[in-house]
């Protein structure tokens, strides 16, 4: 407890530790797998990629790190940062410590889109399978528009209305996904694997994806002051000059877009947006000027490490060459954390 208090009072030290954690996660995730590459060789490959010079490492190690592991780790860092920040925004704006990036049903919409893409690939050709990220992202965007359309039916958009609309739309798309799975019959394993999340999939156009995700993250972090004021309540925030309805809708939309983009690339990875923001809140306190960058860093480090465990644990425990979905690892970590939140929620306020 003393260590936690000391870190809470020393944000600079906390950020140094988070930086070291991200660096360790990056190097370890790029090195460790079914074939382990020495850390030194991994560093040489990374330096070679940054400087554009040749690296004096074996060709096999260079190929494994540069062509397989680095794109996967980079994708994991981007998605981890996105889901962590989105979870923080949802918890702050909806004033619900159990909210996560999928609260508004974005996951259900994206999952339906991905399932529809797989179904069409069997029905009309393999071309539709390559469009899975596009279908998934479109499903997530459709969810956002439907939620806000339903929430505005009674005029002013309120938190409870948004949550209820999210539940309705989530059930709608979930029913559509069940219908698609029933039509696929025995070929539903592809959808099931996608639903559990994996970083092994879409690595094309990673540069464009990185630019989009980083742009969304910067936009959201710009509103740290408004989130601090809105935590005092809407009325006090309005008196201090915050347009609460605009900020809430804008940030929920942006966080949902981040979530939809992440889910379209990796599938559904649960609990990440729940574990990381609350861990950072315990570490650094409630100020969003600290919480936002801390959640981004912690998420960027946590997901690649989870993926490393998903790649290596099966080989250590029962069978080499087997990989479990990274969503299983995050769920195993997140489920006990969820129980702790439920217990602690009865004893104190998180906001």
Protein backbone atom coordinates (compact mmCIF):
# COMPACT_ATOMS: atom_id res chain seq x y z
CA UNK A 1 0.00 0.00 0.00
CA UNK A 2 2.84 2.41 0.77
CA UNK A 3 4.39 1.70 -2.63
CA UNK A 4 1.06 2.42 -4.32
CA UNK A 5 0.70 5.72 -2.46
CA UNK A 6 4.25 6.68 -3.32
CA UNK A 7 3.65 6.00 -7.03
CA UNK A 8 0.35 7.87 -6.91
CA UNK A 9 2.16 10.90 -5.52
CA UNK A 10 4.97 10.57 -8.09
CA UNK A 11 3.47 10.60 -11.59
CA UNK A 12 6.89 11.14 -13.17
CA UNK A 13 8.17 7.88 -11.65
CA UNK A 14 4.98 6.12 -12.75
CA UNK A 15 5.46 7.23 -16.35
CA UNK A 16 9.09 6.12 -16.30
CA UNK A 17 7.97 2.68 -15.13
CA UNK A 18 5.25 2.58 -17.81
CA UNK A 19 7.80 3.53 -20.47
CA UNK A 20 10.11 0.72 -19.36
CA UNK A 21 7.13 -1.65 -19.34
CA UNK A 22 6.18 -0.76 -22.93
CA UNK A 23 9.79 -1.13 -24.11
CA UNK A 24 10.12 -4.51 -22.41
CA UNK A 25 6.79 -5.65 -23.85
CA UNK A 26 7.84 -4.58 -27.34
CA UNK A 27 11.18 -6.40 -27.29
CA UNK A 28 9.95 -9.50 -25.44
CA UNK A 29 6.90 -9.94 -27.69
CA UNK A 30 9.05 -9.61 -30.80
CA UNK A 31 11.58 -12.13 -29.46
CA UNK A 32 9.61 -14.88 -27.72
CA UNK A 33 7.39 -17.35 -29.54
CA UNK A 34 7.41 -20.88 -30.91
CA UNK A 35 10.91 -19.97 -32.13
CA UNK A 36 12.75 -17.75 -29.67
CA UNK A 37 15.02 -15.07 -31.11
CA UNK A 38 17.76 -13.70 -28.81
CA UNK A 39 17.00 -10.22 -27.50
CA UNK A 40 20.22 -8.92 -28.98
CA UNK A 41 19.28 -10.08 -32.47
CA UNK A 42 15.82 -8.55 -32.09
CA UNK A 43 17.34 -5.20 -31.16
CA UNK A 44 19.66 -5.39 -34.18
CA UNK A 45 16.71 -6.08 -36.50
CA UNK A 46 14.76 -3.16 -35.03
CA UNK A 47 17.74 -0.82 -35.37
CA UNK A 48 18.25 -2.06 -38.91
CA UNK A 49 14.63 -1.26 -39.78
CA UNK A 50 14.92 2.22 -38.24
CA UNK A 51 18.23 3.14 -39.88
CA UNK A 52 17.78 1.32 -43.18
CA UNK A 53 21.06 -0.53 -42.82
CA UNK A 54 21.80 -4.26 -43.01
CA UNK A 55 21.77 -6.24 -39.77
CA UNK A 56 24.37 -8.88 -38.92
CA UNK A 57 21.87 -11.48 -37.74
CA UNK A 58 20.90 -14.86 -39.24
CA UNK A 59 18.44 -14.58 -42.11
CA UNK A 60 15.91 -16.76 -40.28
CA UNK A 61 15.89 -14.55 -37.19
CA UNK A 62 15.66 -11.42 -39.34
CA UNK A 63 12.70 -12.81 -41.28
CA UNK A 64 10.84 -13.96 -38.16
CA UNK A 65 11.22 -10.64 -36.38
CA UNK A 66 10.74 -8.24 -39.28
CA UNK A 67 8.04 -10.01 -41.30
CA UNK A 68 6.02 -11.86 -38.66
CA UNK A 69 6.54 -10.55 -35.14
CA UNK A 70 7.03 -6.78 -35.55
CA UNK A 71 3.82 -6.17 -37.53
CA UNK A 72 1.93 -8.27 -35.00
CA UNK A 73 3.43 -6.45 -32.03
CA UNK A 74 2.77 -3.04 -33.58
CA UNK A 75 -0.85 -3.98 -34.24
CA UNK A 76 -1.16 -5.19 -30.65
CA UNK A 77 0.24 -1.93 -29.29
CA UNK A 78 -2.16 0.16 -31.39
CA UNK A 79 -5.22 -1.90 -30.50
CA UNK A 80 -4.24 -2.13 -26.84
CA UNK A 81 -3.84 1.64 -26.61
CA UNK A 82 -7.15 2.20 -28.43
CA UNK A 83 -9.24 -0.15 -26.30
CA UNK A 84 -7.70 1.09 -23.05
CA UNK A 85 -8.35 4.74 -23.85
CA UNK A 86 -11.85 3.96 -25.11
CA UNK A 87 -12.64 2.12 -21.89
CA UNK A 88 -11.46 5.09 -19.84
CA UNK A 89 -13.65 7.47 -21.87
CA UNK A 90 -16.73 5.26 -21.57
CA UNK A 91 -16.30 4.87 -17.82
CA UNK A 92 -15.89 8.63 -17.36
CA UNK A 93 -18.75 9.78 -19.61
CA UNK A 94 -21.26 7.10 -18.59
CA UNK A 95 -20.15 7.31 -14.94
CA UNK A 96 -20.11 3.54 -14.76
CA UNK A 97 -16.96 1.75 -13.52
CA UNK A 98 -18.02 -1.43 -15.35
CA UNK A 99 -18.38 0.24 -18.76
CA UNK A 100 -15.99 -0.89 -21.48
CA UNK A 101 -15.40 -0.09 -25.17
CA UNK A 102 -18.23 -2.43 -26.19
CA UNK A 103 -20.93 -0.84 -24.03
CA UNK A 104 -22.76 0.75 -26.98
CA UNK A 105 -22.84 -2.51 -28.93
CA UNK A 106 -19.95 -1.71 -31.28
CA UNK A 107 -18.61 -5.24 -30.80
CA UNK A 108 -21.93 -6.79 -31.79
CA UNK A 109 -22.17 -4.68 -34.95
CA UNK A 110 -18.59 -5.39 -35.96
CA UNK A 111 -19.03 -9.10 -35.25
CA UNK A 112 -22.13 -9.21 -37.43
CA UNK A 113 -20.21 -7.50 -40.23
CA UNK A 114 -17.36 -9.99 -39.97
CA UNK A 115 -19.79 -12.92 -39.88
CA UNK A 116 -21.60 -11.58 -42.93
CA UNK A 117 -18.28 -11.32 -44.78
CA UNK A 118 -17.47 -14.98 -44.02
CA UNK A 119 -20.97 -16.06 -45.04
CA UNK A 120 -20.72 -14.21 -48.37
CA UNK A 121 -17.30 -15.74 -49.00
CA UNK A 122 -18.91 -19.20 -49.02
CA UNK A 123 -21.90 -17.97 -50.97
CA UNK A 124 -20.34 -15.70 -53.62
CA UNK A 125 -16.56 -16.17 -53.57
CA UNK A 126 -13.38 -15.76 -51.53
CA UNK A 127 -13.17 -12.08 -52.46
CA UNK A 128 -15.55 -11.22 -49.60
CA UNK A 129 -13.23 -12.85 -47.05
CA UNK A 130 -10.53 -10.31 -47.85
CA UNK A 131 -13.07 -7.56 -47.12
CA UNK A 132 -13.70 -8.77 -43.55
CA UNK A 133 -12.08 -5.69 -41.88
CA UNK A 134 -14.21 -3.42 -44.10
CA UNK A 135 -17.41 -5.30 -43.24
CA UNK A 136 -16.54 -5.36 -39.53
CA UNK A 137 -15.74 -1.64 -39.43
CA UNK A 138 -18.95 -0.85 -41.32
CA UNK A 139 -20.94 -2.90 -38.81
CA UNK A 140 -19.37 -1.00 -35.93
CA UNK A 141 -20.13 2.36 -37.56
CA UNK A 142 -23.72 1.30 -38.27
CA UNK A 143 -24.08 0.46 -34.59
CA UNK A 144 -22.97 3.94 -33.55
CA UNK A 145 -25.45 5.66 -35.87
CA UNK A 146 -28.32 3.41 -34.78
CA UNK A 147 -27.58 4.00 -31.10
CA UNK A 148 -27.56 7.79 -31.49
CA UNK A 149 -30.66 7.72 -33.70
CA UNK A 150 -32.59 5.79 -31.06
CA UNK A 151 -31.17 7.94 -28.25
CA UNK A 152 -32.37 11.14 -29.98
CA UNK A 153 -35.93 9.97 -30.47
CA UNK A 154 -36.90 11.72 -27.25
CA UNK A 155 -34.93 14.86 -27.99
CA UNK A 156 -32.14 15.43 -25.53
CA UNK A 157 -29.60 12.64 -25.33
CA UNK A 158 -29.01 11.39 -21.78
CA UNK A 159 -26.65 8.78 -20.41
CA UNK A 160 -29.37 6.26 -19.56
CA UNK A 161 -30.94 6.64 -23.01
CA UNK A 162 -27.60 5.99 -24.70
CA UNK A 163 -26.98 2.87 -22.61
CA UNK A 164 -30.47 1.48 -23.27
CA UNK A 165 -30.13 2.19 -26.98
CA UNK A 166 -26.80 0.38 -26.97
CA UNK A 167 -28.41 -2.66 -25.35
CA UNK A 168 -31.21 -2.72 -27.95
CA UNK A 169 -28.86 -2.39 -30.93
CA UNK A 170 -26.47 -4.95 -29.45
CA UNK A 171 -29.28 -7.51 -29.19
CA UNK A 172 -30.33 -6.72 -32.77
CA UNK A 173 -26.89 -7.36 -34.25
CA UNK A 174 -26.30 -10.35 -31.98
CA UNK A 175 -29.48 -11.91 -33.34
CA UNK A 176 -28.23 -11.24 -36.87
CA UNK A 177 -24.92 -12.93 -36.05
CA UNK A 178 -26.69 -15.99 -34.64
CA UNK A 179 -28.73 -16.19 -37.85
CA UNK A 180 -25.56 -16.07 -39.97
CA UNK A 181 -23.90 -18.73 -37.82
CA UNK A 182 -26.93 -21.00 -38.07
CA UNK A 183 -26.85 -20.69 -41.87
CA UNK A 184 -23.14 -21.54 -41.94
CA UNK A 185 -23.71 -24.76 -40.01
CA UNK A 186 -20.46 -26.62 -39.32
CA UNK A 187 -18.36 -23.78 -40.79
CA UNK A 188 -18.93 -21.44 -37.85
CA UNK A 189 -15.45 -22.09 -36.43
CA UNK A 190 -14.05 -19.12 -38.36
CA UNK A 191 -16.53 -16.75 -36.73
CA UNK A 192 -15.95 -18.26 -33.30
CA UNK A 193 -12.18 -17.81 -33.61
CA UNK A 194 -12.65 -14.22 -34.77
CA UNK A 195 -14.99 -13.50 -31.85
CA UNK A 196 -12.27 -14.49 -29.38
CA UNK A 197 -9.78 -12.02 -30.87
CA UNK A 198 -6.40 -12.54 -32.50
CA UNK A 199 -3.47 -10.42 -33.66
CA UNK A 200 -2.57 -12.92 -36.36
CA UNK A 201 -4.89 -11.50 -38.98
CA UNK A 202 -4.94 -8.22 -40.84
CA UNK A 203 -1.49 -6.56 -41.11
CA UNK A 204 -1.86 -4.85 -44.48
CA UNK A 205 -1.94 -1.05 -44.60
CA UNK A 206 -0.56 -0.98 -41.05
CA UNK A 207 0.89 2.48 -41.66
CA UNK A 208 -2.50 3.95 -42.60
CA UNK A 209 -4.11 2.18 -39.65
CA UNK A 210 -1.47 3.58 -37.30
CA UNK A 211 -2.05 7.12 -38.55
CA UNK A 212 -5.82 6.85 -38.08
CA UNK A 213 -5.62 5.34 -34.60
CA UNK A 214 -2.97 7.80 -33.38
CA UNK A 215 -5.02 10.72 -34.75
CA UNK A 216 -8.13 9.53 -32.89
CA UNK A 217 -6.10 9.03 -29.69
CA UNK A 218 -4.68 12.56 -29.86
CA UNK A 219 -8.14 14.04 -30.43
CA UNK A 220 -9.59 12.20 -27.42
CA UNK A 221 -6.66 13.14 -25.14
CA UNK A 222 -7.23 16.81 -26.00
CA UNK A 223 -10.44 16.72 -23.91
CA UNK A 224 -8.84 15.76 -20.59
CA UNK A 225 -9.94 19.01 -18.92
CA UNK A 226 -13.58 18.56 -19.98
CA UNK A 227 -13.61 15.03 -18.58
CA UNK A 228 -12.26 16.27 -15.26
CA UNK A 229 -14.98 18.92 -15.05
CA UNK A 230 -17.76 16.54 -16.13
CA UNK A 231 -16.78 14.18 -13.33
CA UNK A 232 -18.15 16.88 -10.99
CA UNK A 233 -21.57 16.54 -12.59
CA UNK A 234 -23.19 18.01 -15.69
CA UNK A 235 -24.59 21.08 -13.96
CA UNK A 236 -21.28 22.14 -12.44
CA UNK A 237 -19.48 21.43 -15.72
CA UNK A 238 -21.97 23.64 -17.59
CA UNK A 239 -21.43 26.43 -15.08
CA UNK A 240 -17.69 26.17 -15.78
CA UNK A 241 -18.26 26.55 -19.53
CA UNK A 242 -18.40 22.97 -20.77
CA UNK A 243 -20.92 22.05 -23.46
CA UNK A 244 -21.63 18.71 -21.83
CA UNK A 245 -23.96 17.27 -24.46
CA UNK A 246 -21.57 18.05 -27.32
CA UNK A 247 -18.53 16.73 -25.44
CA UNK A 248 -20.33 13.54 -24.44
CA UNK A 249 -21.59 12.78 -27.94
CA UNK A 250 -18.30 13.71 -29.60
CA UNK A 251 -16.12 11.65 -27.26
CA UNK A 252 -18.48 8.67 -27.28
CA UNK A 253 -18.49 8.82 -31.08
CA UNK A 254 -14.70 9.07 -31.30
CA UNK A 255 -14.14 6.31 -28.74
CA UNK A 256 -16.65 4.13 -30.59
CA UNK A 257 -14.83 4.77 -33.87
CA UNK A 258 -11.57 3.73 -32.20
CA UNK A 259 -13.27 0.58 -30.94
CA UNK A 260 -14.82 -0.22 -34.31
CA UNK A 261 -11.46 0.20 -36.04
CA UNK A 262 -9.72 -2.00 -33.48
CA UNK A 263 -12.35 -4.74 -33.59
CA UNK A 264 -12.30 -4.74 -37.40
CA UNK A 265 -8.58 -5.56 -37.29
CA UNK A 266 -8.33 -8.08 -34.45
CA UNK A 267 -11.79 -9.30 -33.53
CA UNK A 268 -13.30 -8.93 -30.08
CA UNK A 269 -10.73 -8.63 -27.29
CA UNK A 270 -12.58 -8.32 -24.02
CA UNK A 271 -11.74 -6.89 -20.60
CA UNK A 272 -8.76 -4.85 -21.82
CA UNK A 273 -10.76 -1.62 -21.60
CA UNK A 274 -11.78 -2.59 -18.09
CA UNK A 275 -8.48 -3.75 -16.56
CA UNK A 276 -6.13 -1.04 -17.77
CA UNK A 277 -8.09 2.18 -16.97
CA UNK A 278 -8.89 1.08 -13.44
CA UNK A 279 -5.32 -0.04 -12.81
CA UNK A 280 -4.07 3.36 -13.94
CA UNK A 281 -6.73 5.11 -11.84
CA UNK A 282 -5.47 3.27 -8.77
CA UNK A 283 -1.89 4.14 -9.69
CA UNK A 284 -2.25 7.81 -10.66
CA UNK A 285 -5.54 9.05 -9.25
CA UNK A 286 -8.60 10.47 -11.05
CA UNK A 287 -7.05 13.30 -13.11
CA UNK A 288 -7.53 12.54 -16.79
CA UNK A 289 -4.50 14.57 -17.84
CA UNK A 290 -2.46 11.75 -16.31
CA UNK A 291 -4.90 8.89 -16.79
CA UNK A 292 -5.21 9.21 -20.57
CA UNK A 293 -1.52 8.91 -21.54
CA UNK A 294 -0.99 6.32 -18.80
CA UNK A 295 -3.86 4.16 -20.13
CA UNK A 296 -2.49 4.47 -23.66
CA UNK A 297 0.97 3.32 -22.56
CA UNK A 298 -0.30 0.53 -20.30
CA UNK A 299 -2.66 -0.81 -22.98
CA UNK A 300 0.11 -0.67 -25.59
CA UNK A 301 2.27 -2.82 -23.33
CA UNK A 302 -0.37 -5.18 -21.95
CA UNK A 303 -1.88 -6.52 -25.18
CA UNK A 304 1.41 -7.60 -26.87
CA UNK A 305 2.40 -9.42 -23.67
CA UNK A 306 -1.00 -11.14 -23.61
CA UNK A 307 -0.48 -12.15 -27.23
CA UNK A 308 2.96 -13.51 -26.38
CA UNK A 309 1.38 -15.69 -23.70
CA UNK A 310 -1.30 -16.81 -26.17
CA UNK A 311 1.46 -17.92 -28.56
CA UNK A 312 3.76 -19.62 -26.05
CA UNK A 313 1.63 -21.11 -23.25
CA UNK A 314 0.06 -23.93 -25.34
CA UNK A 315 3.52 -25.10 -26.40
CA UNK A 316 4.75 -25.08 -22.80
CA UNK A 317 1.70 -26.86 -21.41
CA UNK A 318 0.54 -29.45 -23.90
CA UNK A 319 1.30 -29.04 -27.62
CA UNK A 320 3.82 -27.04 -29.63
CA UNK A 321 2.62 -25.06 -32.62
CA UNK A 322 -0.82 -24.38 -31.15
CA UNK A 323 -2.01 -20.83 -30.58
CA UNK A 324 -4.94 -19.72 -28.47
CA UNK A 325 -6.84 -16.49 -29.16
CA UNK A 326 -5.47 -13.50 -27.28
CA UNK A 327 -9.02 -12.69 -26.13
CA UNK A 328 -8.91 -15.83 -23.99
CA UNK A 329 -5.82 -14.56 -22.14
CA UNK A 330 -7.30 -11.09 -21.53
CA UNK A 331 -10.56 -12.69 -20.35
CA UNK A 332 -8.70 -14.93 -17.91
CA UNK A 333 -6.94 -11.84 -16.53
CA UNK A 334 -10.04 -9.68 -16.62
CA UNK A 335 -12.60 -11.98 -15.02
CA UNK A 336 -11.02 -11.89 -11.53
CA UNK A 337 -10.52 -8.13 -11.94
CA UNK A 338 -14.21 -7.77 -12.78
CA UNK A 339 -15.15 -9.59 -9.56
CA UNK A 340 -12.88 -7.25 -7.58
CA UNK A 341 -14.63 -4.25 -9.15
CA UNK A 342 -18.02 -5.62 -8.16
CA UNK A 343 -16.88 -6.14 -4.56
CA UNK A 344 -15.09 -2.80 -4.31
CA UNK A 345 -18.02 -1.00 -5.92
CA UNK A 346 -20.10 -1.75 -2.85
CA UNK A 347 -17.52 -0.19 -0.56
CA UNK A 348 -16.48 3.00 -2.34
CA UNK A 349 -17.00 5.27 -5.31
CA UNK A 350 -14.58 4.96 -8.19
CA UNK A 351 -15.19 8.50 -9.46
